[in-house]
Protein backbone atom coordinates (compact mmCIF):
# COMPACT_ATOMS: atom_id res chain seq x y z
CA MET A 1 -8.56 -0.42 -9.74
CA LEU A 2 -5.06 -1.59 -10.36
CA CYS A 3 -3.84 -3.22 -7.21
CA CYS A 4 -1.54 -0.40 -6.52
CA GLY A 5 -3.50 2.25 -8.54
CA GLY A 6 -5.18 5.29 -7.25
CA ALA A 7 -8.72 4.57 -8.17
CA GLU A 8 -11.26 6.03 -5.68
CA GLU A 9 -13.09 3.71 -3.25
CA GLU A 10 -16.49 4.04 -1.59
CA ASN A 11 -16.14 4.75 2.12
CA HIS A 12 -18.14 3.36 5.02
CA SER A 13 -18.66 4.63 8.46
CA GLY A 14 -15.84 4.00 10.83
CA PRO A 15 -12.25 4.98 10.98
CA PRO A 16 -10.73 6.50 7.90
CA ALA A 17 -8.68 4.12 5.92
CA ASN A 18 -9.43 4.00 2.31
CA GLN A 19 -6.09 4.58 0.43
CA TYR A 20 -3.64 1.69 1.06
CA THR A 21 -1.06 0.26 -1.21
CA ALA A 22 -1.05 -3.34 -2.45
CA PRO A 23 1.47 -5.28 -4.57
CA PRO A 24 0.84 -4.95 -8.41
CA ARG A 25 -1.13 -7.44 -10.28
CA ALA A 26 -0.04 -9.31 -13.48
CA GLY A 27 2.06 -7.17 -15.87
CA ASN A 28 4.34 -5.72 -13.21
CA PRO A 29 7.76 -5.22 -14.97
CA TYR A 30 9.58 -5.54 -11.54
CA GLY A 31 8.79 -9.18 -11.28
CA GLY A 32 9.75 -10.61 -8.01
CA GLY A 33 12.15 -7.88 -7.01
CA THR A 34 14.84 -10.16 -6.24
CA GLY A 35 17.66 -7.84 -5.27
CA GLY A 36 18.97 -7.32 -1.83
CA GLY A 37 20.13 -3.86 -1.06
CA SER A 38 22.69 -1.37 -2.57
CA GLU A 39 25.85 -0.44 -1.08
CA ARG A 40 23.97 2.57 0.51
CA GLY A 41 21.41 0.32 2.05
CA GLU A 42 18.83 1.14 -0.35
CA PRO A 43 16.23 -1.41 -1.74
CA ARG A 44 17.37 -2.85 -4.89
CA LEU A 45 14.83 -4.52 -7.32
CA SER A 46 16.15 -6.91 -9.93
CA GLY A 47 16.27 -5.75 -13.42
CA ALA A 48 16.77 -9.23 -14.90
CA ILE A 49 13.05 -9.38 -15.81
CA ARG A 50 13.98 -7.21 -18.89
CA SER A 51 15.85 -10.06 -20.32
CA GLY A 52 13.21 -12.74 -19.67
CA ALA A 53 15.72 -14.40 -17.37
CA PRO A 54 14.21 -16.72 -14.60
CA GLN A 55 13.65 -14.89 -11.31
CA LYS A 56 14.57 -16.31 -7.91
CA VAL A 57 11.85 -15.16 -5.50
CA LEU A 58 13.25 -14.10 -2.15
CA PRO A 59 11.42 -14.67 0.93
CA ILE A 60 8.62 -12.28 2.03
CA GLU A 61 10.05 -9.87 4.63
CA THR A 62 6.77 -9.47 6.48
CA PRO A 63 4.95 -12.10 8.80
CA ALA A 64 2.31 -14.34 7.47
CA LEU A 65 -1.06 -13.96 9.19
CA SER A 66 -3.27 -16.86 9.57
CA LEU A 67 -6.72 -16.82 8.16
CA ASP A 68 -8.36 -17.80 11.44
CA GLU A 69 -6.67 -14.89 13.19
CA LEU A 70 -7.75 -12.44 10.54
CA ASN A 71 -11.36 -13.77 10.67
CA ARG A 72 -11.25 -13.22 14.48
CA LEU A 73 -9.84 -9.66 14.25
CA THR A 74 -12.51 -8.53 11.60
CA SER A 75 -15.46 -10.62 13.00
CA ASN A 76 -15.29 -12.83 9.84
CA PHE A 77 -14.69 -9.71 7.65
CA GLY A 78 -17.96 -8.29 8.75
CA THR A 79 -19.57 -4.93 8.15
CA LYS A 80 -18.72 -3.41 11.44
CA ALA A 81 -15.07 -3.67 10.65
CA LEU A 82 -15.52 -2.57 6.87
CA ILE A 83 -13.97 0.82 6.33
CA GLY A 84 -13.67 0.96 2.43
CA GLU A 85 -14.15 -0.99 -0.78
CA GLY A 86 -13.66 -0.74 -4.47
CA SER A 87 -13.25 -2.93 -7.57
CA TYR A 88 -10.08 -4.41 -6.16
CA GLY A 89 -11.87 -5.71 -2.91
CA ARG A 90 -12.54 -4.46 0.62
CA VAL A 91 -10.66 -2.86 3.42
CA PHE A 92 -11.21 -3.70 7.16
CA PHE A 93 -9.92 -2.31 10.32
CA ALA A 94 -8.31 -4.60 12.82
CA LYS A 95 -5.86 -4.49 15.71
CA LEU A 96 -3.10 -7.07 15.26
CA SER A 97 -1.88 -9.39 18.04
CA ASP A 98 0.87 -6.78 18.85
CA GLY A 99 -1.60 -4.11 19.35
CA GLN A 100 -0.78 -2.26 16.16
CA SER A 101 -3.87 -0.96 14.27
CA ALA A 102 -3.96 -2.20 10.64
CA ALA A 103 -5.96 -1.71 7.45
CA ILE A 104 -6.73 -5.28 6.18
CA LYS A 105 -7.14 -5.29 2.41
CA LYS A 106 -8.98 -8.47 1.18
CA LEU A 107 -8.44 -8.56 -2.59
CA ASP A 108 -11.13 -9.89 -4.90
CA THR A 109 -9.50 -12.55 -7.06
CA SER A 110 -12.65 -13.75 -8.68
CA SER A 111 -12.33 -11.43 -11.93
CA SER A 112 -8.61 -11.97 -12.61
CA PRO A 113 -7.09 -14.47 -10.18
CA GLU A 114 -3.35 -14.34 -10.08
CA PRO A 115 -1.05 -17.45 -9.76
CA ASP A 116 0.15 -17.75 -6.11
CA SER A 117 3.65 -17.79 -7.38
CA ASP A 118 3.35 -14.44 -9.13
CA PHE A 119 1.55 -12.88 -6.22
CA ALA A 120 4.20 -14.20 -3.88
CA SER A 121 7.06 -12.73 -5.88
CA GLN A 122 5.34 -9.28 -5.86
CA LEU A 123 4.73 -9.49 -2.16
CA SER A 124 8.48 -10.31 -1.80
CA MET A 125 9.35 -7.03 -3.60
CA VAL A 126 6.80 -4.78 -1.82
CA SER A 127 7.88 -6.16 1.57
CA ARG A 128 11.29 -4.71 0.97
CA LEU A 129 9.98 -1.18 0.41
CA LYS A 130 10.64 0.22 3.76
CA ASN A 131 10.76 4.09 4.52
CA GLU A 132 9.44 6.41 7.23
CA HIS A 133 7.44 8.23 4.67
CA PHE A 134 5.93 5.20 2.72
CA VAL A 135 3.04 3.14 4.05
CA GLY A 136 4.31 -0.14 5.04
CA LEU A 137 3.16 -3.71 4.61
CA LEU A 138 2.57 -5.40 8.03
CA GLY A 139 1.53 -8.81 7.06
CA TYR A 140 -0.23 -11.02 4.50
CA CYS A 141 -2.37 -14.19 4.15
CA LEU A 142 -2.49 -16.55 1.14
CA GLU A 143 -4.44 -19.29 2.81
CA ALA A 144 -7.49 -20.98 1.10
CA ASN A 145 -6.81 -19.12 -2.21
CA ASN A 146 -7.23 -15.73 -0.45
CA GLN A 147 -4.94 -12.78 -1.05
CA ILE A 148 -5.20 -10.61 2.05
CA LEU A 149 -2.71 -7.73 2.98
CA ALA A 150 -2.37 -5.77 6.18
CA TYR A 151 -1.02 -2.21 5.96
CA GLU A 152 -0.19 0.49 8.43
CA TYR A 153 -3.42 2.33 9.48
CA ALA A 154 -3.43 6.11 8.93
CA THR A 155 -4.82 7.47 12.20
CA MET A 156 -5.65 10.85 10.58
CA GLY A 157 -6.86 9.66 7.24
CA SER A 158 -5.74 11.37 4.05
CA LEU A 159 -4.68 14.83 3.21
CA HIS A 160 -7.74 14.91 1.01
CA ASP A 161 -9.90 14.21 4.05
CA ILE A 162 -8.61 17.34 5.78
CA LEU A 163 -8.77 19.51 2.71
CA HIS A 164 -12.00 18.55 1.31
CA GLY A 165 -13.80 16.17 3.57
CA ARG A 166 -13.86 12.33 3.47
CA LYS A 167 -14.39 10.82 0.13
CA GLY A 168 -17.69 9.12 -0.51
CA VAL A 169 -19.20 10.53 2.64
CA GLN A 170 -22.19 12.84 1.78
CA GLY A 171 -21.98 16.22 3.42
CA ALA A 172 -18.47 15.55 4.87
CA GLU A 173 -16.84 18.64 5.92
CA PRO A 174 -13.07 19.62 5.66
CA GLY A 175 -10.91 19.48 8.62
CA PRO A 176 -9.42 22.39 10.57
CA VAL A 177 -7.28 24.69 8.58
CA LEU A 178 -3.68 23.59 8.77
CA THR A 179 -1.04 25.86 10.35
CA TRP A 180 1.94 26.83 8.20
CA HIS A 181 4.14 24.37 10.21
CA GLN A 182 1.73 21.53 9.55
CA ARG A 183 1.59 22.28 5.88
CA VAL A 184 5.35 22.27 5.71
CA LYS A 185 5.57 19.08 7.55
CA VAL A 186 3.02 17.35 5.31
CA ALA A 187 4.74 18.51 2.15
CA TYR A 188 8.06 17.50 3.48
CA GLY A 189 6.91 14.02 4.29
CA ALA A 190 5.21 13.47 1.01
CA ALA A 191 8.27 14.77 -0.83
CA LYS A 192 10.56 12.37 1.22
CA GLY A 193 8.13 9.46 0.37
CA LEU A 194 8.28 10.21 -3.43
CA GLU A 195 12.10 10.71 -3.18
CA PHE A 196 12.35 7.21 -1.71
CA LEU A 197 10.45 5.58 -4.54
CA HIS A 198 11.88 7.69 -7.36
CA GLU A 199 15.51 8.05 -6.29
CA LYS A 200 16.37 5.40 -3.52
CA CYS A 201 14.83 2.38 -5.06
CA HIS A 202 16.83 0.65 -7.73
CA PRO A 203 15.37 0.53 -10.41
CA SER A 204 13.30 3.52 -9.46
CA ILE A 205 9.68 3.35 -9.00
CA VAL A 206 7.64 6.11 -10.44
CA HIS A 207 4.46 6.96 -8.53
CA ARG A 208 2.26 8.12 -11.37
CA ASP A 209 -0.69 9.03 -9.27
CA VAL A 210 0.42 11.84 -6.72
CA ARG A 211 -2.71 13.42 -5.37
CA SER A 212 -4.09 14.42 -1.81
CA SER A 213 -5.94 11.25 -1.33
CA ASN A 214 -2.63 9.30 -1.80
CA VAL A 215 -0.83 11.21 1.04
CA LEU A 216 -1.87 9.53 4.28
CA LEU A 217 -1.47 11.27 7.64
CA PHE A 218 -0.38 9.64 10.83
CA ASP A 219 0.07 11.05 14.37
CA ASP A 220 1.52 14.53 14.51
CA PHE A 221 0.93 15.14 10.85
CA LEU A 222 3.52 12.50 9.73
CA ALA A 223 2.90 12.15 6.08
CA LYS A 224 3.42 8.88 4.03
CA ILE A 225 2.93 8.12 0.43
CA ALA A 226 0.49 5.32 -0.51
CA ASP A 227 -1.07 3.84 -3.71
CA PHE A 228 1.72 3.91 -6.27
CA SER A 229 1.30 2.18 -9.57
CA LEU A 230 3.90 -0.31 -10.68
CA THR A 231 2.37 -1.11 -13.98
CA ASN A 232 3.68 0.12 -17.33
CA GLN A 233 7.02 1.41 -15.91
CA SER A 234 9.42 -0.47 -17.98
CA SER A 235 10.73 2.75 -19.44
CA ASP A 236 11.55 3.96 -16.06
CA TYR A 237 14.41 1.56 -15.35
CA ARG A 238 17.75 3.11 -14.34
CA SER A 239 20.90 1.34 -14.72
């Protein structure tokens, strides 16, 4: 799975959390995303990468998490905390020190390790993507050659879980039939998340993998977009 792609994951017993975004791996045309914000307060990602100009990496706008803390929160990334896995690595459930639930994604760097500088520049860009309808990055850890990311935890799982049952769980049943109001609220939230990526970010980010498993549901059916792909988007730049 591409780091931000929509490849399916195997689920394990435990809270539903198998569709979380991560910064793109090598080949991301957005580079470090060095822009600040536009006049309208929208996230601006630098387009200088197109000319091959050197990029100045801005600080990552999410807190660093220590490896010791993550080991403690996930019981050393043990099976009891494991809630999903795929070719990219594994996802664990944890409660951060501030009490917020999080999906901790530990990336597998053995097959195609990425230079720390490249990964940090991508983290810098992703940390600036903030919107009510986009799954946010809560923290990260790069200690001891690890690449670990903490994301908002979807309390209600994905829209796919409700419509068809949890992915990878044999015999999983769909959730209750959504009311008309709930359907409209989910559709509205997903649309606003896509609008943020497609229209509010500069240059725009095209999701490329919109499906029910990439629409995560939070309390009271608040819908957020996850798992966008940032690879092969050079033709999607807007001036």
